[in-house]
Amino acid sequence: MELLLKGVAIGVGATVLMDAWAVVLWKVFRQGRPNWAPVGRWFWHLKNGTVFHDDIGKAEPYAGELALGWIGHYAVGILYGVILALVMGAGWFAAPTFLPAWILGIVTVGAGWFLLQPGLGIGVAASKLPNANTVRALNLVAHTIFALGLYGTALLLR
């Protein structure tokens, strides 16, 4: 049970750091703010078995999609933290290292590129967007920040 709770904690910590990074991108570099409403709409439509949309913006709206998007964002972050905790075990928490967290962070980019982004209708690895390479690079950086959050939170839990 302790391992599970530590996994939840590192997942929350990592997601908070990732969100802080998004604020830095927005405030300092004038990147757009993350909008979790389309993700919430995507999660909402999963209940009907619809995984992939041509354009999530044309899918039927859901009144609570922004809240559901935020909840889904944190639930996925927690899931990744729990996976790392269960795979690495208590020994990793006694002496955390960055590499396992970073490997997980990079592997999880695949969920965005091959599930979420096509599900939103923007193509595999954002291929339908005019700035696809920029989006891909930002995804890799954000998930590296997430990995730093996993590692850093694990250090705080020692």
N, C-alpha and C. Protein backbone atom coordinates (compact mmCIF):
# COMPACT_ATOMS: atom_id res chain seq x y z
N MET A 1 0.83 -1.20 0.00
CA MET A 1 0.00 0.00 0.00
C MET A 1 0.87 1.26 0.00
N GLU A 2 1.99 1.22 0.75
CA GLU A 2 2.87 2.39 0.80
C GLU A 2 3.43 2.70 -0.59
N LEU A 3 3.76 1.66 -1.35
CA LEU A 3 4.29 1.85 -2.70
C LEU A 3 3.24 2.52 -3.59
N LEU A 4 2.00 2.09 -3.47
CA LEU A 4 0.91 2.68 -4.24
C LEU A 4 0.74 4.16 -3.89
N LEU A 5 0.76 4.49 -2.61
CA LEU A 5 0.61 5.88 -2.18
C LEU A 5 1.78 6.74 -2.66
N LYS A 6 2.97 6.19 -2.62
CA LYS A 6 4.13 6.93 -3.14
C LYS A 6 4.00 7.14 -4.64
N GLY A 7 3.46 6.15 -5.34
CA GLY A 7 3.22 6.30 -6.77
C GLY A 7 2.23 7.42 -7.06
N VAL A 8 1.17 7.48 -6.27
CA VAL A 8 0.19 8.57 -6.41
C VAL A 8 0.88 9.91 -6.16
N ALA A 9 1.68 9.98 -5.11
CA ALA A 9 2.35 11.23 -4.76
C ALA A 9 3.30 11.70 -5.86
N ILE A 10 4.11 10.79 -6.41
CA ILE A 10 5.04 11.22 -7.45
C ILE A 10 4.30 11.58 -8.74
N GLY A 11 3.17 10.91 -8.99
CA GLY A 11 2.36 11.25 -10.16
C GLY A 11 1.77 12.65 -10.05
N VAL A 12 1.27 12.98 -8.86
CA VAL A 12 0.73 14.33 -8.64
C VAL A 12 1.86 15.35 -8.73
N GLY A 13 2.98 15.09 -8.06
CA GLY A 13 4.10 16.02 -8.09
C GLY A 13 4.60 16.28 -9.50
N ALA A 14 4.70 15.22 -10.29
CA ALA A 14 5.17 15.35 -11.66
C ALA A 14 4.20 16.14 -12.52
N THR A 15 2.91 15.90 -12.33
CA THR A 15 1.90 16.61 -13.12
C THR A 15 1.86 18.08 -12.74
N VAL A 16 2.02 18.38 -11.46
CA VAL A 16 2.08 19.78 -11.02
C VAL A 16 3.29 20.48 -11.66
N LEU A 17 4.45 19.81 -11.68
CA LEU A 17 5.63 20.42 -12.29
C LEU A 17 5.41 20.63 -13.79
N MET A 18 4.79 19.67 -14.45
CA MET A 18 4.49 19.80 -15.87
C MET A 18 3.57 21.00 -16.11
N ASP A 19 2.60 21.18 -15.24
CA ASP A 19 1.68 22.32 -15.36
C ASP A 19 2.40 23.63 -15.09
N ALA A 20 3.33 23.62 -14.15
CA ALA A 20 4.14 24.83 -13.88
C ALA A 20 4.96 25.18 -15.12
N TRP A 21 5.51 24.18 -15.78
CA TRP A 21 6.26 24.40 -17.01
C TRP A 21 5.36 25.03 -18.08
N ALA A 22 4.12 24.57 -18.17
CA ALA A 22 3.18 25.15 -19.14
C ALA A 22 2.94 26.63 -18.83
N VAL A 23 2.89 26.99 -17.56
CA VAL A 23 2.72 28.39 -17.18
C VAL A 23 3.94 29.21 -17.60
N VAL A 24 5.13 28.64 -17.41
CA VAL A 24 6.36 29.33 -17.85
C VAL A 24 6.33 29.54 -19.36
N LEU A 25 5.96 28.52 -20.10
CA LEU A 25 5.87 28.66 -21.56
C LEU A 25 4.88 29.75 -21.95
N TRP A 26 3.78 29.83 -21.23
CA TRP A 26 2.74 30.81 -21.52
C TRP A 26 3.20 32.23 -21.16
N LYS A 27 3.70 32.39 -19.95
CA LYS A 27 4.07 33.72 -19.45
C LYS A 27 5.36 34.26 -20.08
N VAL A 28 6.36 33.41 -20.22
CA VAL A 28 7.67 33.87 -20.66
C VAL A 28 7.82 33.77 -22.19
N PHE A 29 7.36 32.67 -22.76
CA PHE A 29 7.59 32.42 -24.17
C PHE A 29 6.35 32.63 -25.05
N ARG A 30 5.26 33.08 -24.43
CA ARG A 30 4.02 33.41 -25.17
C ARG A 30 3.41 32.22 -25.91
N GLN A 31 3.66 31.02 -25.40
CA GLN A 31 2.99 29.83 -25.94
C GLN A 31 1.53 29.89 -25.49
N GLY A 32 0.67 29.24 -26.23
CA GLY A 32 -0.72 29.18 -25.81
C GLY A 32 -0.88 28.43 -24.50
N ARG A 33 -1.89 28.83 -23.73
CA ARG A 33 -2.18 28.13 -22.48
C ARG A 33 -2.79 26.76 -22.79
N PRO A 34 -2.46 25.76 -21.99
CA PRO A 34 -3.10 24.46 -22.21
C PRO A 34 -4.62 24.57 -22.04
N ASN A 35 -5.33 23.92 -22.92
CA ASN A 35 -6.78 23.88 -22.84
C ASN A 35 -7.19 22.42 -22.70
N TRP A 36 -7.60 22.05 -21.50
CA TRP A 36 -7.94 20.66 -21.23
C TRP A 36 -9.38 20.31 -21.60
N ALA A 37 -10.17 21.29 -22.08
CA ALA A 37 -11.55 21.01 -22.47
C ALA A 37 -11.64 20.00 -23.61
N PRO A 38 -10.86 20.12 -24.69
CA PRO A 38 -10.96 19.10 -25.74
C PRO A 38 -10.60 17.71 -25.24
N VAL A 39 -9.65 17.63 -24.32
CA VAL A 39 -9.29 16.33 -23.74
C VAL A 39 -10.46 15.79 -22.92
N GLY A 40 -11.11 16.67 -22.18
CA GLY A 40 -12.30 16.26 -21.43
C GLY A 40 -13.40 15.77 -22.35
N ARG A 41 -13.60 16.47 -23.46
CA ARG A 41 -14.60 16.03 -24.43
C ARG A 41 -14.21 14.66 -24.98
N TRP A 42 -12.91 14.48 -25.24
CA TRP A 42 -12.44 13.18 -25.74
C TRP A 42 -12.71 12.09 -24.71
N PHE A 43 -12.37 12.33 -23.44
CA PHE A 43 -12.65 11.35 -22.38
C PHE A 43 -14.15 11.05 -22.32
N TRP A 44 -14.97 12.07 -22.42
CA TRP A 44 -16.42 11.92 -22.34
C TRP A 44 -16.93 11.00 -23.44
N HIS A 45 -16.42 11.15 -24.64
CA HIS A 45 -16.88 10.33 -25.76
C HIS A 45 -16.34 8.90 -25.73
N LEU A 46 -15.34 8.64 -24.91
CA LEU A 46 -14.85 7.27 -24.76
C LEU A 46 -15.94 6.34 -24.24
N LYS A 47 -16.85 6.88 -23.42
CA LYS A 47 -17.93 6.06 -22.86
C LYS A 47 -18.81 5.46 -23.96
N ASN A 48 -18.83 6.12 -25.11
CA ASN A 48 -19.63 5.62 -26.24
C ASN A 48 -18.80 4.74 -27.17
N GLY A 49 -17.54 4.52 -26.81
CA GLY A 49 -16.67 3.70 -27.63
C GLY A 49 -15.99 4.47 -28.75
N THR A 50 -16.12 5.79 -28.75
CA THR A 50 -15.47 6.59 -29.79
C THR A 50 -14.10 7.04 -29.29
N VAL A 51 -13.07 6.48 -29.89
CA VAL A 51 -11.70 6.79 -29.50
C VAL A 51 -11.11 7.86 -30.42
N PHE A 52 -11.37 7.73 -31.71
CA PHE A 52 -10.76 8.62 -32.69
C PHE A 52 -11.81 9.51 -33.34
N HIS A 53 -11.50 10.79 -33.41
CA HIS A 53 -12.38 11.79 -34.01
C HIS A 53 -11.65 12.44 -35.18
N ASP A 54 -12.41 12.85 -36.17
CA ASP A 54 -11.82 13.64 -37.26
C ASP A 54 -11.46 15.03 -36.75
N ASP A 55 -12.30 15.55 -35.85
CA ASP A 55 -12.08 16.86 -35.26
C ASP A 55 -12.86 16.90 -33.95
N ILE A 56 -12.16 16.86 -32.82
CA ILE A 56 -12.85 16.83 -31.52
C ILE A 56 -13.72 18.07 -31.33
N GLY A 57 -13.37 19.15 -31.98
CA GLY A 57 -14.16 20.38 -31.89
C GLY A 57 -15.55 20.22 -32.48
N LYS A 58 -15.74 19.26 -33.37
CA LYS A 58 -17.04 19.02 -33.98
C LYS A 58 -17.84 17.94 -33.24
N ALA A 59 -17.21 17.28 -32.28
CA ALA A 59 -17.91 16.27 -31.48
C ALA A 59 -18.89 16.97 -30.55
N GLU A 60 -19.92 16.25 -30.15
CA GLU A 60 -20.93 16.83 -29.25
C GLU A 60 -20.27 17.32 -27.96
N PRO A 61 -20.52 18.59 -27.60
CA PRO A 61 -19.92 19.14 -26.38
C PRO A 61 -20.49 18.49 -25.12
N TYR A 62 -19.75 18.63 -24.06
CA TYR A 62 -20.15 18.14 -22.74
C TYR A 62 -19.94 19.29 -21.77
N ALA A 63 -20.94 19.58 -20.95
CA ALA A 63 -20.90 20.76 -20.08
C ALA A 63 -19.70 20.77 -19.14
N GLY A 64 -19.28 19.61 -18.67
CA GLY A 64 -18.17 19.55 -17.72
C GLY A 64 -16.85 19.15 -18.35
N GLU A 65 -16.68 19.42 -19.64
CA GLU A 65 -15.50 18.91 -20.32
C GLU A 65 -14.19 19.53 -19.83
N LEU A 66 -14.19 20.78 -19.42
CA LEU A 66 -12.95 21.37 -18.91
C LEU A 66 -12.54 20.70 -17.60
N ALA A 67 -13.50 20.53 -16.70
CA ALA A 67 -13.20 19.85 -15.43
C ALA A 67 -12.78 18.41 -15.68
N LEU A 68 -13.47 17.73 -16.57
CA LEU A 68 -13.11 16.34 -16.87
C LEU A 68 -11.72 16.27 -17.51
N GLY A 69 -11.37 17.25 -18.32
CA GLY A 69 -10.04 17.28 -18.92
C GLY A 69 -8.95 17.41 -17.86
N TRP A 70 -9.17 18.30 -16.88
CA TRP A 70 -8.20 18.45 -15.79
C TRP A 70 -8.12 17.18 -14.95
N ILE A 71 -9.27 16.60 -14.64
CA ILE A 71 -9.29 15.35 -13.86
C ILE A 71 -8.56 14.25 -14.62
N GLY A 72 -8.84 14.14 -15.91
CA GLY A 72 -8.18 13.12 -16.73
C GLY A 72 -6.68 13.34 -16.80
N HIS A 73 -6.27 14.59 -16.93
CA HIS A 73 -4.85 14.95 -16.98
C HIS A 73 -4.14 14.48 -15.71
N TYR A 74 -4.73 14.76 -14.56
CA TYR A 74 -4.12 14.34 -13.30
C TYR A 74 -4.24 12.83 -13.08
N ALA A 75 -5.34 12.23 -13.51
CA ALA A 75 -5.50 10.78 -13.36
C ALA A 75 -4.43 10.04 -14.16
N VAL A 76 -4.15 10.52 -15.36
CA VAL A 76 -3.12 9.88 -16.18
C VAL A 76 -1.74 10.08 -15.54
N GLY A 77 -1.47 11.28 -15.04
CA GLY A 77 -0.20 11.53 -14.35
C GLY A 77 -0.03 10.62 -13.15
N ILE A 78 -1.10 10.44 -12.39
CA ILE A 78 -1.06 9.54 -11.23
C ILE A 78 -0.84 8.10 -11.69
N LEU A 79 -1.52 7.70 -12.74
CA LEU A 79 -1.34 6.35 -13.27
C LEU A 79 0.13 6.11 -13.64
N TYR A 80 0.74 7.07 -14.30
CA TYR A 80 2.16 6.93 -14.66
C TYR A 80 3.04 6.85 -13.42
N GLY A 81 2.72 7.63 -12.40
CA GLY A 81 3.49 7.57 -11.16
C GLY A 81 3.36 6.21 -10.49
N VAL A 82 2.16 5.66 -10.49
CA VAL A 82 1.94 4.34 -9.89
C VAL A 82 2.67 3.27 -10.70
N ILE A 83 2.64 3.39 -12.01
CA ILE A 83 3.36 2.41 -12.85
C ILE A 83 4.85 2.44 -12.51
N LEU A 84 5.43 3.64 -12.42
CA LEU A 84 6.85 3.73 -12.08
C LEU A 84 7.11 3.12 -10.71
N ALA A 85 6.26 3.42 -9.75
CA ALA A 85 6.44 2.89 -8.40
C ALA A 85 6.39 1.36 -8.39
N LEU A 86 5.43 0.80 -9.09
CA LEU A 86 5.29 -0.66 -9.10
C LEU A 86 6.41 -1.34 -9.87
N VAL A 87 6.85 -0.74 -10.97
CA VAL A 87 7.93 -1.33 -11.76
C VAL A 87 9.26 -1.25 -11.01
N MET A 88 9.54 -0.10 -10.41
CA MET A 88 10.84 0.12 -9.79
C MET A 88 10.89 -0.40 -8.35
N GLY A 89 9.79 -0.39 -7.65
CA GLY A 89 9.75 -0.94 -6.30
C GLY A 89 10.30 -0.01 -5.23
N ALA A 90 10.26 -0.50 -4.00
CA ALA A 90 10.66 0.28 -2.84
C ALA A 90 12.13 0.67 -2.89
N GLY A 91 12.95 -0.15 -3.47
CA GLY A 91 14.38 0.16 -3.56
C GLY A 91 14.66 1.45 -4.31
N TRP A 92 13.89 1.71 -5.33
CA TRP A 92 14.08 2.94 -6.09
C TRP A 92 13.73 4.16 -5.23
N PHE A 93 12.70 4.04 -4.42
CA PHE A 93 12.32 5.16 -3.56
C PHE A 93 13.37 5.42 -2.48
N ALA A 94 14.10 4.40 -2.09
CA ALA A 94 15.17 4.58 -1.10
C ALA A 94 16.33 5.36 -1.68
N ALA A 95 16.56 5.20 -2.98
CA ALA A 95 17.66 5.90 -3.66
C ALA A 95 17.23 6.20 -5.10
N PRO A 96 16.33 7.16 -5.28
CA PRO A 96 15.81 7.44 -6.63
C PRO A 96 16.90 7.88 -7.59
N THR A 97 16.76 7.45 -8.83
CA THR A 97 17.63 7.89 -9.91
C THR A 97 16.75 8.44 -11.03
N PHE A 98 17.32 9.35 -11.80
CA PHE A 98 16.54 10.02 -12.84
C PHE A 98 16.22 9.12 -14.03
N LEU A 99 17.15 8.26 -14.42
CA LEU A 99 17.01 7.51 -15.66
C LEU A 99 15.69 6.73 -15.77
N PRO A 100 15.26 5.95 -14.77
CA PRO A 100 13.99 5.24 -14.93
C PRO A 100 12.80 6.19 -15.10
N ALA A 101 12.83 7.31 -14.38
CA ALA A 101 11.75 8.29 -14.52
C ALA A 101 11.75 8.89 -15.92
N TRP A 102 12.94 9.18 -16.44
CA TRP A 102 13.03 9.77 -17.76
C TRP A 102 12.61 8.79 -18.84
N ILE A 103 13.01 7.53 -18.70
CA ILE A 103 12.58 6.52 -19.68
C ILE A 103 11.06 6.44 -19.70
N LEU A 104 10.44 6.39 -18.52
CA LEU A 104 8.97 6.37 -18.48
C LEU A 104 8.40 7.64 -19.10
N GLY A 105 8.97 8.79 -18.78
CA GLY A 105 8.49 10.05 -19.33
C GLY A 105 8.50 10.05 -20.85
N ILE A 106 9.58 9.56 -21.43
CA ILE A 106 9.69 9.53 -22.89
C ILE A 106 8.75 8.49 -23.48
N VAL A 107 8.64 7.33 -22.83
CA VAL A 107 7.73 6.29 -23.33
C VAL A 107 6.28 6.81 -23.34
N THR A 108 5.93 7.59 -22.32
CA THR A 108 4.54 8.07 -22.24
C THR A 108 4.20 9.09 -23.31
N VAL A 109 5.19 9.66 -23.97
CA VAL A 109 4.91 10.53 -25.11
C VAL A 109 4.12 9.74 -26.15
N GLY A 110 4.40 8.45 -26.23
CA GLY A 110 3.70 7.60 -27.20
C GLY A 110 2.20 7.59 -26.99
N ALA A 111 1.73 7.66 -25.75
CA ALA A 111 0.28 7.70 -25.51
C ALA A 111 -0.33 8.96 -26.12
N GLY A 112 0.39 10.05 -26.01
CA GLY A 112 -0.09 11.29 -26.63
C GLY A 112 -0.04 11.23 -28.14
N TRP A 113 1.08 10.76 -28.67
CA TRP A 113 1.26 10.74 -30.11
C TRP A 113 0.38 9.73 -30.84
N PHE A 114 0.16 8.56 -30.21
CA PHE A 114 -0.53 7.48 -30.92
C PHE A 114 -1.95 7.21 -30.45
N LEU A 115 -2.36 7.87 -29.36
CA LEU A 115 -3.72 7.69 -28.86
C LEU A 115 -4.45 9.03 -28.75
N LEU A 116 -3.95 9.92 -27.91
CA LEU A 116 -4.67 11.16 -27.66
C LEU A 116 -4.70 12.08 -28.88
N GLN A 117 -3.57 12.35 -29.49
CA GLN A 117 -3.57 13.28 -30.62
C GLN A 117 -4.40 12.77 -31.79
N PRO A 118 -4.28 11.50 -32.19
CA PRO A 118 -5.20 11.01 -33.22
C PRO A 118 -6.65 11.02 -32.74
N GLY A 119 -6.84 10.75 -31.44
CA GLY A 119 -8.19 10.78 -30.87
C GLY A 119 -8.82 12.16 -30.96
N LEU A 120 -8.00 13.20 -30.84
CA LEU A 120 -8.51 14.57 -30.96
C LEU A 120 -8.69 15.00 -32.41
N GLY A 121 -8.15 14.21 -33.33
CA GLY A 121 -8.26 14.53 -34.74
C GLY A 121 -7.10 15.33 -35.29
N ILE A 122 -5.99 15.40 -34.56
CA ILE A 122 -4.84 16.16 -35.06
C ILE A 122 -3.76 15.25 -35.64
N GLY A 123 -4.07 13.97 -35.76
CA GLY A 123 -3.16 13.04 -36.43
C GLY A 123 -2.15 12.41 -35.49
N VAL A 124 -1.51 11.37 -35.98
CA VAL A 124 -0.45 10.70 -35.24
C VAL A 124 0.69 11.68 -35.06
N ALA A 125 1.11 11.87 -33.80
CA ALA A 125 2.19 12.80 -33.47
C ALA A 125 1.93 14.19 -34.06
N ALA A 126 0.67 14.62 -33.97
CA ALA A 126 0.26 15.96 -34.42
C ALA A 126 0.51 16.20 -35.90
N SER A 127 0.53 15.14 -36.69
CA SER A 127 0.91 15.24 -38.10
C SER A 127 0.00 16.13 -38.94
N LYS A 128 -1.21 16.39 -38.48
CA LYS A 128 -2.14 17.23 -39.25
C LYS A 128 -1.97 18.72 -38.93
N LEU A 129 -1.12 19.03 -37.98
CA LEU A 129 -0.91 20.43 -37.61
C LEU A 129 0.21 21.04 -38.44
N PRO A 130 0.10 22.32 -38.75
CA PRO A 130 1.16 22.97 -39.54
C PRO A 130 2.49 23.08 -38.78
N ASN A 131 2.42 23.04 -37.45
CA ASN A 131 3.63 23.14 -36.61
C ASN A 131 3.91 21.82 -35.90
N ALA A 132 3.71 20.72 -36.61
CA ALA A 132 3.82 19.38 -36.00
C ALA A 132 5.17 19.15 -35.34
N ASN A 133 6.25 19.56 -35.97
CA ASN A 133 7.57 19.33 -35.37
C ASN A 133 7.75 20.11 -34.08
N THR A 134 7.22 21.31 -34.03
CA THR A 134 7.28 22.11 -32.80
C THR A 134 6.48 21.43 -31.70
N VAL A 135 5.29 20.94 -32.04
CA VAL A 135 4.45 20.24 -31.06
C VAL A 135 5.17 19.01 -30.54
N ARG A 136 5.79 18.25 -31.43
CA ARG A 136 6.52 17.04 -31.02
C ARG A 136 7.67 17.39 -30.08
N ALA A 137 8.41 18.43 -30.42
CA ALA A 137 9.53 18.84 -29.55
C ALA A 137 9.02 19.28 -28.19
N LEU A 138 7.94 20.06 -28.18
CA LEU A 138 7.36 20.50 -26.91
C LEU A 138 6.83 19.32 -26.10
N ASN A 139 6.28 18.31 -26.77
CA ASN A 139 5.83 17.09 -26.07
C ASN A 139 7.00 16.40 -25.38
N LEU A 140 8.12 16.27 -26.09
CA LEU A 140 9.29 15.62 -25.52
C LEU A 140 9.84 16.41 -24.32
N VAL A 141 9.87 17.72 -24.45
CA VAL A 141 10.35 18.55 -23.34
C VAL A 141 9.39 18.44 -22.16
N ALA A 142 8.09 18.55 -22.41
CA ALA A 142 7.10 18.48 -21.32
C ALA A 142 7.18 17.15 -20.59
N HIS A 143 7.39 16.07 -21.30
CA HIS A 143 7.46 14.77 -20.65
C HIS A 143 8.80 14.56 -19.94
N THR A 144 9.82 15.27 -20.38
CA THR A 144 11.08 15.28 -19.63
C THR A 144 10.89 16.05 -18.32
N ILE A 145 10.15 17.15 -18.38
CA ILE A 145 9.81 17.91 -17.16
C ILE A 145 8.99 17.02 -16.23
N PHE A 146 8.06 16.28 -16.79
CA PHE A 146 7.25 15.34 -16.00
C PHE A 146 8.17 14.34 -15.31
N ALA A 147 9.15 13.82 -16.04
CA ALA A 147 10.11 12.87 -15.46
C ALA A 147 10.90 13.51 -14.33
N LEU A 148 11.30 14.76 -14.51
CA LEU A 148 11.99 15.48 -13.43
C LEU A 148 11.08 15.59 -12.20
N GLY A 149 9.79 15.76 -12.44
CA GLY A 149 8.83 15.81 -11.34
C GLY A 149 8.70 14.48 -10.62
N LEU A 150 8.70 13.39 -11.38
CA LEU A 150 8.65 12.06 -10.76
C LEU A 150 9.87 11.87 -9.86
N TYR A 151 11.02 12.16 -10.43
CA TYR A 151 12.29 12.00 -9.72
C TYR A 151 12.38 12.94 -8.52
N GLY A 152 12.07 14.20 -8.74
CA GLY A 152 12.16 15.19 -7.66
C GLY A 152 11.21 14.89 -6.52
N THR A 153 10.00 14.49 -6.84
CA THR A 153 9.04 14.15 -5.77
C THR A 153 9.50 12.91 -5.02
N ALA A 154 10.06 11.94 -5.73
CA ALA A 154 10.60 10.75 -5.07
C ALA A 154 11.73 11.14 -4.12
N LEU A 155 12.57 12.08 -4.51
CA LEU A 155 13.64 12.55 -3.62
C LEU A 155 13.04 13.19 -2.36
N LEU A 156 11.98 13.95 -2.53
CA LEU A 156 11.33 14.59 -1.38
C LEU A 156 10.70 13.58 -0.42
N LEU A 157 10.30 12.44 -0.95
CA LEU A 157 9.63 11.42 -0.12
C LEU A 157 10.61 10.57 0.67
N ARG A 158 11.90 10.66 0.38
CA ARG A 158 12.89 9.81 1.08
C ARG A 158 12.92 10.11 2.55
